Amino acid sequence: MGHNAMKLELIEWLTKLEDSETLNYLKIVKDSNENAQDWWHELPESVKNGIHQGLDDVTEGRIVSHNDVKKKYGL
């Protein structure tokens, strides 16, 4: 399905939508896209450091796969 067809399908669906919760959610999504900002500079240094450490762990191969964790815990 192309973008235009998808947009038309969503418009049609949206015009019939009565669920307030879904409408509110969609409004939040719309507004957040319009106000998209880089939030990195707003993070505390401790959070930035944790993110950098996680990225370093991935780069250095210090990771465990999701499947291995599931096996370990019988999930």
PDB file of N, CA and C in Angstrom:
ATOM      1  N   MET A   1       0.855  -1.171   0.000  1.00  0.00           N
ATOM      2  CA  MET A   1       0.000   0.000   0.000  1.00  0.00           C
ATOM      3  C   MET A   1       0.900   1.232   0.000  1.00  0.00           C
ATOM      4  N   GLY A   2       0.642   2.161  -0.918  1.00  0.00           N
ATOM      5  CA  GLY A   2       1.426   3.381  -0.999  1.00  0.00           C
ATOM      6  C   GLY A   2       1.047   4.368   0.094  1.00  0.00           C
ATOM      7  N   HIS A   3       1.877   5.387   0.255  1.00  0.00           N
ATOM      8  CA  HIS A   3       1.625   6.376   1.294  1.00  0.00           C
ATOM      9  C   HIS A   3       0.289   7.090   1.109  1.00  0.00           C
ATOM     10  N   ASN A   4      -0.025   7.471  -0.108  1.00  0.00           N
ATOM     11  CA  ASN A   4      -1.282   8.193  -0.335  1.00  0.00           C
ATOM     12  C   ASN A   4      -2.494   7.329   0.000  1.00  0.00           C
ATOM     13  N   ALA A   5      -2.452   6.075  -0.402  1.00  0.00           N
ATOM     14  CA  ALA A   5      -3.562   5.171  -0.093  1.00  0.00           C
ATOM     15  C   ALA A   5      -3.676   4.966   1.416  1.00  0.00           C
ATOM     16  N   MET A   6      -2.526   4.862   2.087  1.00  0.00           N
ATOM     17  CA  MET A   6      -2.533   4.676   3.531  1.00  0.00           C
ATOM     18  C   MET A   6      -3.096   5.922   4.220  1.00  0.00           C
ATOM     19  N   LYS A   7      -2.718   7.089   3.740  1.00  0.00           N
ATOM     20  CA  LYS A   7      -3.236   8.332   4.309  1.00  0.00           C
ATOM     21  C   LYS A   7      -4.754   8.411   4.157  1.00  0.00           C
ATOM     22  N   LEU A   8      -5.231   8.066   2.972  1.00  0.00           N
ATOM     23  CA  LEU A   8      -6.677   8.100   2.748  1.00  0.00           C
ATOM     24  C   LEU A   8      -7.404   7.106   3.643  1.00  0.00           C
ATOM     25  N   GLU A   9      -6.836   5.932   3.807  1.00  0.00           N
ATOM     26  CA  GLU A   9      -7.441   4.932   4.693  1.00  0.00           C
ATOM     27  C   GLU A   9      -7.490   5.455   6.127  1.00  0.00           C
ATOM     28  N   LEU A  10      -6.404   6.074   6.572  1.00  0.00           N
ATOM     29  CA  LEU A  10      -6.369   6.617   7.933  1.00  0.00           C
ATOM     30  C   LEU A  10      -7.342   7.782   8.105  1.00  0.00           C
ATOM     31  N   ILE A  11      -7.448   8.634   7.102  1.00  0.00           N
ATOM     32  CA  ILE A  11      -8.392   9.753   7.166  1.00  0.00           C
ATOM     33  C   ILE A  11      -9.811   9.229   7.298  1.00  0.00           C
ATOM     34  N   GLU A  12     -10.143   8.248   6.486  1.00  0.00           N
ATOM     35  CA  GLU A  12     -11.487   7.664   6.549  1.00  0.00           C
ATOM     36  C   GLU A  12     -11.753   7.062   7.931  1.00  0.00           C
ATOM     37  N   TRP A  13     -10.775   6.325   8.438  1.00  0.00           N
ATOM     38  CA  TRP A  13     -10.910   5.714   9.763  1.00  0.00           C
ATOM     39  C   TRP A  13     -11.053   6.788  10.832  1.00  0.00           C
ATOM     40  N   LEU A  14     -10.239   7.844  10.731  1.00  0.00           N
ATOM     41  CA  LEU A  14     -10.241   8.898  11.733  1.00  0.00           C
ATOM     42  C   LEU A  14     -11.569   9.650  11.766  1.00  0.00           C
ATOM     43  N   THR A  15     -12.190   9.856  10.609  1.00  0.00           N
ATOM     44  CA  THR A  15     -13.462  10.581  10.572  1.00  0.00           C
ATOM     45  C   THR A  15     -14.576   9.811  11.268  1.00  0.00           C
ATOM     46  N   LYS A  16     -14.419   8.494  11.374  1.00  0.00           N
ATOM     47  CA  LYS A  16     -15.442   7.663  12.013  1.00  0.00           C
ATOM     48  C   LYS A  16     -15.106   7.325  13.465  1.00  0.00           C
ATOM     49  N   LEU A  17     -13.915   7.702  13.903  1.00  0.00           N
ATOM     50  CA  LEU A  17     -13.435   7.330  15.229  1.00  0.00           C
ATOM     51  C   LEU A  17     -14.189   8.088  16.312  1.00  0.00           C
ATOM     52  N   GLU A  18     -14.687   7.351  17.311  1.00  0.00           N
ATOM     53  CA  GLU A  18     -15.438   7.940  18.421  1.00  0.00           C
ATOM     54  C   GLU A  18     -14.722   7.772  19.762  1.00  0.00           C
ATOM     55  N   ASP A  19     -13.675   6.973  19.794  1.00  0.00           N
ATOM     56  CA  ASP A  19     -12.969   6.658  21.037  1.00  0.00           C
ATOM     57  C   ASP A  19     -12.113   7.845  21.475  1.00  0.00           C
ATOM     58  N   SER A  20     -12.496   8.487  22.568  1.00  0.00           N
ATOM     59  CA  SER A  20     -11.791   9.671  23.060  1.00  0.00           C
ATOM     60  C   SER A  20     -10.342   9.375  23.433  1.00  0.00           C
ATOM     61  N   GLU A  21     -10.115   8.221  24.024  1.00  0.00           N
ATOM     62  CA  GLU A  21      -8.756   7.867  24.431  1.00  0.00           C
ATOM     63  C   GLU A  21      -7.822   7.775  23.226  1.00  0.00           C
ATOM     64  N   THR A  22      -8.295   7.142  22.162  1.00  0.00           N
ATOM     65  CA  THR A  22      -7.487   7.025  20.950  1.00  0.00           C
ATOM     66  C   THR A  22      -7.284   8.391  20.310  1.00  0.00           C
ATOM     67  N   LEU A  23      -8.326   9.209  20.280  1.00  0.00           N
ATOM     68  CA  LEU A  23      -8.199  10.556  19.716  1.00  0.00           C
ATOM     69  C   LEU A  23      -7.184  11.380  20.503  1.00  0.00           C
ATOM     70  N   ASN A  24      -7.243  11.294  21.827  1.00  0.00           N
ATOM     71  CA  ASN A  24      -6.273  12.022  22.650  1.00  0.00           C
ATOM     72  C   ASN A  24      -4.854  11.539  22.389  1.00  0.00           C
ATOM     73  N   TYR A  25      -4.688  10.241  22.267  1.00  0.00           N
ATOM     74  CA  TYR A  25      -3.374   9.681  21.982  1.00  0.00           C
ATOM     75  C   TYR A  25      -2.851  10.180  20.639  1.00  0.00           C
ATOM     76  N   LEU A  26      -3.697  10.148  19.623  1.00  0.00           N
ATOM     77  CA  LEU A  26      -3.290  10.616  18.299  1.00  0.00           C
ATOM     78  C   LEU A  26      -2.923  12.095  18.311  1.00  0.00           C
ATOM     79  N   LYS A  27      -3.639  12.879  19.106  1.00  0.00           N
ATOM     80  CA  LYS A  27      -3.322  14.301  19.239  1.00  0.00           C
ATOM     81  C   LYS A  27      -1.950  14.479  19.867  1.00  0.00           C
ATOM     82  N   ILE A  28      -1.640  13.680  20.871  1.00  0.00           N
ATOM     83  CA  ILE A  28      -0.324  13.747  21.512  1.00  0.00           C
ATOM     84  C   ILE A  28       0.770  13.390  20.502  1.00  0.00           C
ATOM     85  N   VAL A  29       0.549  12.352  19.714  1.00  0.00           N
ATOM     86  CA  VAL A  29       1.519  11.950  18.694  1.00  0.00           C
ATOM     87  C   VAL A  29       1.726  13.084  17.701  1.00  0.00           C
ATOM     88  N   LYS A  30       0.642  13.666  17.230  1.00  0.00           N
ATOM     89  CA  LYS A  30       0.722  14.775  16.272  1.00  0.00           C
ATOM     90  C   LYS A  30       1.504  15.938  16.863  1.00  0.00           C
ATOM     91  N   ASP A  31       1.149  16.334  18.068  1.00  0.00           N
ATOM     92  CA  ASP A  31       1.814  17.469  18.706  1.00  0.00           C
ATOM     93  C   ASP A  31       3.290  17.192  18.965  1.00  0.00           C
ATOM     94  N   SER A  32       3.610  15.966  19.349  1.00  0.00           N
ATOM     95  CA  SER A  32       5.008  15.654  19.639  1.00  0.00           C
ATOM     96  C   SER A  32       5.848  15.692  18.375  1.00  0.00           C
ATOM     97  N   ASN A  33       5.270  15.316  17.240  1.00  0.00           N
ATOM     98  CA  ASN A  33       6.002  15.389  15.979  1.00  0.00           C
ATOM     99  C   ASN A  33       6.213  16.836  15.549  1.00  0.00           C
ATOM    100  N   GLU A  34       5.245  17.687  15.823  1.00  0.00           N
ATOM    101  CA  GLU A  34       5.375  19.090  15.455  1.00  0.00           C
ATOM    102  C   GLU A  34       6.399  19.791  16.333  1.00  0.00           C
ATOM    103  N   ASN A  35       6.518  19.355  17.574  1.00  0.00           N
ATOM    104  CA  ASN A  35       7.412  19.995  18.531  1.00  0.00           C
ATOM    105  C   ASN A  35       8.686  19.193  18.748  1.00  0.00           C
ATOM    106  N   ALA A  36       9.001  18.309  17.801  1.00  0.00           N
ATOM    107  CA  ALA A  36      10.152  17.424  17.978  1.00  0.00           C
ATOM    108  C   ALA A  36      11.416  18.246  18.213  1.00  0.00           C
ATOM    109  N   GLN A  37      12.063  17.936  19.324  1.00  0.00           N
ATOM    110  CA  GLN A  37      13.300  18.606  19.681  1.00  0.00           C
ATOM    111  C   GLN A  37      14.300  17.558  20.112  1.00  0.00           C
ATOM    112  N   ASP A  38      15.549  17.946  20.072  1.00  0.00           N
ATOM    113  CA  ASP A  38      16.584  17.061  20.577  1.00  0.00           C
ATOM    114  C   ASP A  38      16.589  17.169  22.098  1.00  0.00           C
ATOM    115  N   TRP A  39      16.237  16.091  22.784  1.00  0.00           N
ATOM    116  CA  TRP A  39      16.118  16.100  24.224  1.00  0.00           C
ATOM    117  C   TRP A  39      17.390  15.626  24.921  1.00  0.00           C
ATOM    118  N   TRP A  40      18.409  15.264  24.152  1.00  0.00           N
ATOM    119  CA  TRP A  40      19.639  14.736  24.740  1.00  0.00           C
ATOM    120  C   TRP A  40      20.227  15.712  25.757  1.00  0.00           C
ATOM    121  N   HIS A  41      20.249  16.996  25.406  1.00  0.00           N
ATOM    122  CA  HIS A  41      20.859  17.989  26.292  1.00  0.00           C
ATOM    123  C   HIS A  41      20.084  18.163  27.598  1.00  0.00           C
ATOM    124  N   GLU A  42      18.861  17.672  27.660  1.00  0.00           N
ATOM    125  CA  GLU A  42      18.059  17.793  28.875  1.00  0.00           C
ATOM    126  C   GLU A  42      18.275  16.629  29.850  1.00  0.00           C
ATOM    127  N   LEU A  43      18.957  15.586  29.403  1.00  0.00           N
ATOM    128  CA  LEU A  43      19.186  14.418  30.254  1.00  0.00           C
ATOM    129  C   LEU A  43      20.263  14.719  31.294  1.00  0.00           C
ATOM    130  N   PRO A  44      20.095  14.171  32.495  1.00  0.00           N
ATOM    131  CA  PRO A  44      21.158  14.310  33.499  1.00  0.00           C
ATOM    132  C   PRO A  44      22.418  13.581  33.029  1.00  0.00           C
ATOM    133  N   GLU A  45      23.563  14.057  33.492  1.00  0.00           N
ATOM    134  CA  GLU A  45      24.838  13.439  33.095  1.00  0.00           C
ATOM    135  C   GLU A  45      24.884  11.955  33.453  1.00  0.00           C
ATOM    136  N   SER A  46      24.275  11.578  34.578  1.00  0.00           N
ATOM    137  CA  SER A  46      24.301  10.171  34.986  1.00  0.00           C
ATOM    138  C   SER A  46      23.572   9.294  33.961  1.00  0.00           C
ATOM    139  N   VAL A  47      22.492   9.810  33.396  1.00  0.00           N
ATOM    140  CA  VAL A  47      21.744   9.057  32.384  1.00  0.00           C
ATOM    141  C   VAL A  47      22.560   8.980  31.091  1.00  0.00           C
ATOM    142  N   LYS A  48      23.162  10.100  30.687  1.00  0.00           N
ATOM    143  CA  LYS A  48      24.005  10.101  29.485  1.00  0.00           C
ATOM    144  C   LYS A  48      25.153   9.104  29.640  1.00  0.00           C
ATOM    145  N   ASN A  49      25.765   9.105  30.840  1.00  0.00           N
ATOM    146  CA  ASN A  49      26.870   8.172  31.081  1.00  0.00           C
ATOM    147  C   ASN A  49      26.401   6.724  30.984  1.00  0.00           C
ATOM    148  N   GLY A  50      25.218   6.431  31.507  1.00  0.00           N
ATOM    149  CA  GLY A  50      24.672   5.078  31.415  1.00  0.00           C
ATOM    150  C   GLY A  50      24.416   4.659  29.978  1.00  0.00           C
ATOM    151  N   ILE A  51      23.917   5.577  29.181  1.00  0.00           N
ATOM    152  CA  ILE A  51      23.673   5.285  27.760  1.00  0.00           C
ATOM    153  C   ILE A  51      24.994   5.030  27.049  1.00  0.00           C
ATOM    154  N   HIS A  52      25.985   5.880  27.314  1.00  0.00           N
ATOM    155  CA  HIS A  52      27.302   5.673  26.694  1.00  0.00           C
ATOM    156  C   HIS A  52      27.907   4.337  27.119  1.00  0.00           C
ATOM    157  N   GLN A  53      27.744   3.973  28.381  1.00  0.00           N
ATOM    158  CA  GLN A  53      28.270   2.691  28.861  1.00  0.00           C
ATOM    159  C   GLN A  53      27.588   1.533  28.134  1.00  0.00           C
ATOM    160  N   GLY A  54      26.276   1.634  27.961  1.00  0.00           N
ATOM    161  CA  GLY A  54      25.557   0.588  27.231  1.00  0.00           C
ATOM    162  C   GLY A  54      26.022   0.463  25.793  1.00  0.00           C
ATOM    163  N   LEU A  55      26.230   1.591  25.148  1.00  0.00           N
ATOM    164  CA  LEU A  55      26.729   1.568  23.766  1.00  0.00           C
ATOM    165  C   LEU A  55      28.136   0.977  23.706  1.00  0.00           C
ATOM    166  N   ASP A  56      28.978   1.322  24.688  1.00  0.00           N
ATOM    167  CA  ASP A  56      30.322   0.736  24.756  1.00  0.00           C
ATOM    168  C   ASP A  56      30.242  -0.772  24.963  1.00  0.00           C
ATOM    169  N   ASP A  57      29.327  -1.225  25.812  1.00  0.00           N
ATOM    170  CA  ASP A  57      29.152  -2.663  26.043  1.00  0.00           C
ATOM    171  C   ASP A  57      28.809  -3.380  24.741  1.00  0.00           C
ATOM    172  N   VAL A  58      27.919  -2.794  23.959  1.00  0.00           N
ATOM    173  CA  VAL A  58      27.530  -3.403  22.680  1.00  0.00           C
ATOM    174  C   VAL A  58      28.738  -3.448  21.751  1.00  0.00           C
ATOM    175  N   THR A  59      29.451  -2.334  21.654  1.00  0.00           N
ATOM    176  CA  THR A  59      30.620  -2.261  20.771  1.00  0.00           C
ATOM    177  C   THR A  59      31.675  -3.290  21.158  1.00  0.00           C
ATOM    178  N   GLU A  60      31.879  -3.487  22.452  1.00  0.00           N
ATOM    179  CA  GLU A  60      32.901  -4.409  22.950  1.00  0.00           C
ATOM    180  C   GLU A  60      32.407  -5.853  23.044  1.00  0.00           C
ATOM    181  N   GLY A  61      31.143  -6.093  22.693  1.00  0.00           N
ATOM    182  CA  GLY A  61      30.620  -7.454  22.703  1.00  0.00           C
ATOM    183  C   GLY A  61      30.198  -7.954  24.069  1.00  0.00           C
ATOM    184  N   ARG A  62      30.046  -7.055  25.022  1.00  0.00           N
ATOM    185  CA  ARG A  62      29.628  -7.461  26.372  1.00  0.00           C
ATOM    186  C   ARG A  62      28.095  -7.460  26.435  1.00  0.00           C
ATOM    187  N   ILE A  63      27.523  -8.395  25.720  1.00  0.00           N
ATOM    188  CA  ILE A  63      26.067  -8.479  25.637  1.00  0.00           C
ATOM    189  C   ILE A  63      25.621  -9.925  25.786  1.00  0.00           C
ATOM    190  N   VAL A  64      24.363 -10.102  26.117  1.00  0.00           N
ATOM    191  CA  VAL A  64      23.732 -11.417  26.177  1.00  0.00           C
ATOM    192  C   VAL A  64      22.461 -11.313  25.346  1.00  0.00           C
ATOM    193  N   SER A  65      22.252 -12.274  24.472  1.00  0.00           N
ATOM    194  CA  SER A  65      21.081 -12.211  23.598  1.00  0.00           C
ATOM    195  C   SER A  65      19.783 -12.400  24.385  1.00  0.00           C
ATOM    196  N   HIS A  66      18.734 -11.869  23.841  1.00  0.00           N
ATOM    197  CA  HIS A  66      17.416 -12.005  24.447  1.00  0.00           C
ATOM    198  C   HIS A  66      17.045 -13.483  24.586  1.00  0.00           C
ATOM    199  N   ASN A  67      17.338 -14.262  23.562  1.00  0.00           N
ATOM    200  CA  ASN A  67      17.027 -15.695  23.602  1.00  0.00           C
ATOM    201  C   ASN A  67      17.794 -16.412  24.706  1.00  0.00           C
ATOM    202  N   ASP A  68      19.073 -16.031  24.925  1.00  0.00           N
ATOM    203  CA  ASP A  68      19.857 -16.654  25.994  1.00  0.00           C
ATOM    204  C   ASP A  68      19.261 -16.346  27.372  1.00  0.00           C
ATOM    205  N   VAL A  69      18.810 -15.126  27.559  1.00  0.00           N
ATOM    206  CA  VAL A  69      18.188 -14.753  28.841  1.00  0.00           C
ATOM    207  C   VAL A  69      16.897 -15.533  29.036  1.00  0.00           C
ATOM    208  N   LYS A  70      16.085 -15.653  27.982  1.00  0.00           N
ATOM    209  CA  LYS A  70      14.848 -16.413  28.077  1.00  0.00           C
ATOM    210  C   LYS A  70      15.124 -17.867  28.442  1.00  0.00           C
ATOM    211  N   LYS A  71      16.151 -18.460  27.822  1.00  0.00           N
ATOM    212  CA  LYS A  71      16.499 -19.843  28.134  1.00  0.00           C
ATOM    213  C   LYS A  71      16.936 -19.967  29.585  1.00  0.00           C
ATOM    214  N   LYS A  72      17.754 -19.022  30.035  1.00  0.00           N
ATOM    215  CA  LYS A  72      18.276 -19.069  31.398  1.00  0.00           C
ATOM    216  C   LYS A  72      17.168 -19.064  32.428  1.00  0.00           C
ATOM    217  N   TYR A  73      16.110 -18.294  32.162  1.00  0.00           N
ATOM    218  CA  TYR A  73      15.015 -18.154  33.115  1.00  0.00           C
ATOM    219  C   TYR A  73      13.793 -18.969  32.746  1.00  0.00           C
ATOM    220  N   GLY A  74      13.954 -19.869  31.763  1.00  0.00           N
ATOM    221  CA  GLY A  74      12.881 -20.771  31.402  1.00  0.00           C
ATOM    222  C   GLY A  74      11.675 -20.093  30.785  1.00  0.00           C
ATOM    223  N   LEU A  75      11.902 -19.069  30.036  1.00  0.00           N
ATOM    224  CA  LEU A  75      10.785 -18.333  29.399  1.00  0.00           C
ATOM    225  C   LEU A  75      10.605 -18.735  27.951  1.00  0.00           C
TER     226      LEU A  75
END
